[in-house]
Amino acid sequence: MKDDFELIRGSGNVFRDFGHPNASVEQARAILAAKIVRTLDERELSTREAERLTGISHSEFSRIRNARLKHFTLDRMIAILEKLDADIEVNVTFTPCHSLQEGVHA
């Protein structure tokens, strides 16, 4: 039996695609969390070793590893990366929302 399905291209932000209200912030947190986890893995650091190295509690590293990111601010996550001795460059791009553009007349 052949299943019919529709292929839908995502926006590049899965949180936006699923209608999350703060999709851009959630996406940024996810990207920073992935970098933190990658840094821990590359340096073969456990959460306890990362705690000793940075002074940040191992439970925070565990939350990041398990993608429980709601209580982390972007600046907190950047500070964690800095304590892991990561070189950080942040670029922010602003684009108008389609829903806001429709209501604006020139």
Protein backbone atom coordinates (compact mmCIF):
# COMPACT_ATOMS: atom_id res chain seq x y z
CA MET A 1 0.00 0.00 0.00
CA LYS A 2 1.38 3.37 -1.00
CA ASP A 3 1.23 6.18 1.57
CA ASP A 4 0.73 9.69 0.28
CA PHE A 5 2.53 12.40 2.16
CA GLU A 6 3.32 16.04 1.74
CA LEU A 7 6.88 17.28 2.05
CA ILE A 8 7.03 20.64 3.81
CA ARG A 9 10.25 22.62 3.94
CA GLY A 10 10.98 24.00 7.40
CA SER A 11 11.86 27.59 8.19
CA GLY A 12 15.24 26.67 9.65
CA ASN A 13 13.87 27.13 13.17
CA VAL A 14 12.01 24.05 14.41
CA PHE A 15 10.60 26.03 17.35
CA ARG A 16 8.96 28.49 14.93
CA ASP A 17 7.71 25.64 12.77
CA PHE A 18 5.91 24.20 15.80
CA GLY A 19 4.46 27.57 16.83
CA HIS A 20 6.49 28.28 19.96
CA PRO A 21 6.00 31.90 21.08
CA ASN A 22 9.71 32.63 21.75
CA ALA A 23 11.07 30.58 18.88
CA SER A 24 14.12 32.74 18.19
CA VAL A 25 15.29 32.65 21.80
CA GLU A 26 14.68 28.91 22.04
CA GLN A 27 16.67 28.36 18.84
CA ALA A 28 19.56 30.48 20.15
CA ARG A 29 19.58 28.53 23.44
CA ALA A 30 19.62 25.24 21.53
CA ILE A 31 22.57 26.38 19.41
CA LEU A 32 24.52 27.51 22.49
CA ALA A 33 23.68 24.29 24.34
CA ALA A 34 24.94 22.23 21.38
CA LYS A 35 28.21 24.16 21.45
CA ILE A 36 28.58 23.60 25.20
CA VAL A 37 27.95 19.86 24.83
CA ARG A 38 30.34 19.68 21.85
CA THR A 39 33.03 21.45 23.91
CA LEU A 40 32.56 19.06 26.84
CA ASP A 41 32.71 16.07 24.49
CA GLU A 42 35.78 17.32 22.61
CA ARG A 43 37.60 17.90 25.90
CA GLU A 44 36.23 14.61 27.31
CA LEU A 45 34.88 16.38 30.39
CA SER A 46 32.26 14.89 32.68
CA THR A 47 29.81 17.27 34.32
CA ARG A 48 31.80 16.95 37.58
CA GLU A 49 35.08 17.74 35.83
CA ALA A 50 33.45 20.73 34.10
CA GLU A 51 32.23 21.92 37.51
CA ARG A 52 35.76 21.75 38.96
CA LEU A 53 37.15 23.57 35.93
CA THR A 54 34.56 26.35 35.72
CA GLY A 55 32.90 26.67 39.13
CA ILE A 56 29.51 26.09 37.48
CA SER A 57 27.50 23.36 39.16
CA HIS A 58 27.49 19.95 37.52
CA SER A 59 23.68 20.00 37.66
CA GLU A 60 23.65 22.95 35.24
CA PHE A 61 25.84 21.00 32.82
CA SER A 62 23.50 18.01 33.23
CA ARG A 63 20.48 20.18 32.40
CA ILE A 64 22.25 21.45 29.29
CA ARG A 65 23.22 17.92 28.23
CA ASN A 66 19.57 16.86 28.65
CA ALA A 67 18.26 19.92 26.73
CA ARG A 68 16.38 21.31 29.74
CA LEU A 69 17.17 24.89 28.81
CA LYS A 70 14.16 26.97 29.86
CA HIS A 71 15.78 28.53 32.92
CA PHE A 72 18.99 29.48 31.09
CA THR A 73 19.36 32.97 29.71
CA LEU A 74 21.43 33.54 26.61
CA ASP A 75 24.00 35.56 28.54
CA ARG A 76 24.32 32.76 31.12
CA MET A 77 25.01 30.23 28.39
CA ILE A 78 27.59 32.52 26.77
CA ALA A 79 29.27 32.94 30.17
CA ILE A 80 29.42 29.13 30.54
CA LEU A 81 31.11 28.87 27.15
CA GLU A 82 33.59 31.56 28.13
CA LYS A 83 34.41 29.65 31.33
CA LEU A 84 35.06 26.59 29.18
CA ASP A 85 37.58 28.77 27.36
CA ALA A 86 35.64 28.86 24.12
CA ASP A 87 36.14 31.68 21.66
CA ILE A 88 32.70 33.19 21.09
CA GLU A 89 31.34 35.39 18.34
CA VAL A 90 27.63 36.18 18.30
CA ASN A 91 25.86 37.53 15.20
CA VAL A 92 22.28 38.73 15.36
CA THR A 93 20.14 39.33 12.31
CA PHE A 94 16.80 41.09 12.39
CA THR A 95 14.17 40.41 9.75
CA PRO A 96 10.61 41.72 9.78
CA CYS A 97 7.90 39.23 10.68
CA HIS A 98 5.47 38.52 7.85
CA SER A 99 2.47 39.11 10.09
CA LEU A 100 3.72 42.58 11.00
CA GLN A 101 4.57 43.48 7.41
CA GLU A 102 1.03 42.77 6.20
CA GLY A 103 -0.42 45.43 8.51
CA VAL A 104 2.05 48.15 7.48
CA HIS A 105 1.22 50.33 4.49
CA ALA A 106 3.75 52.68 2.89
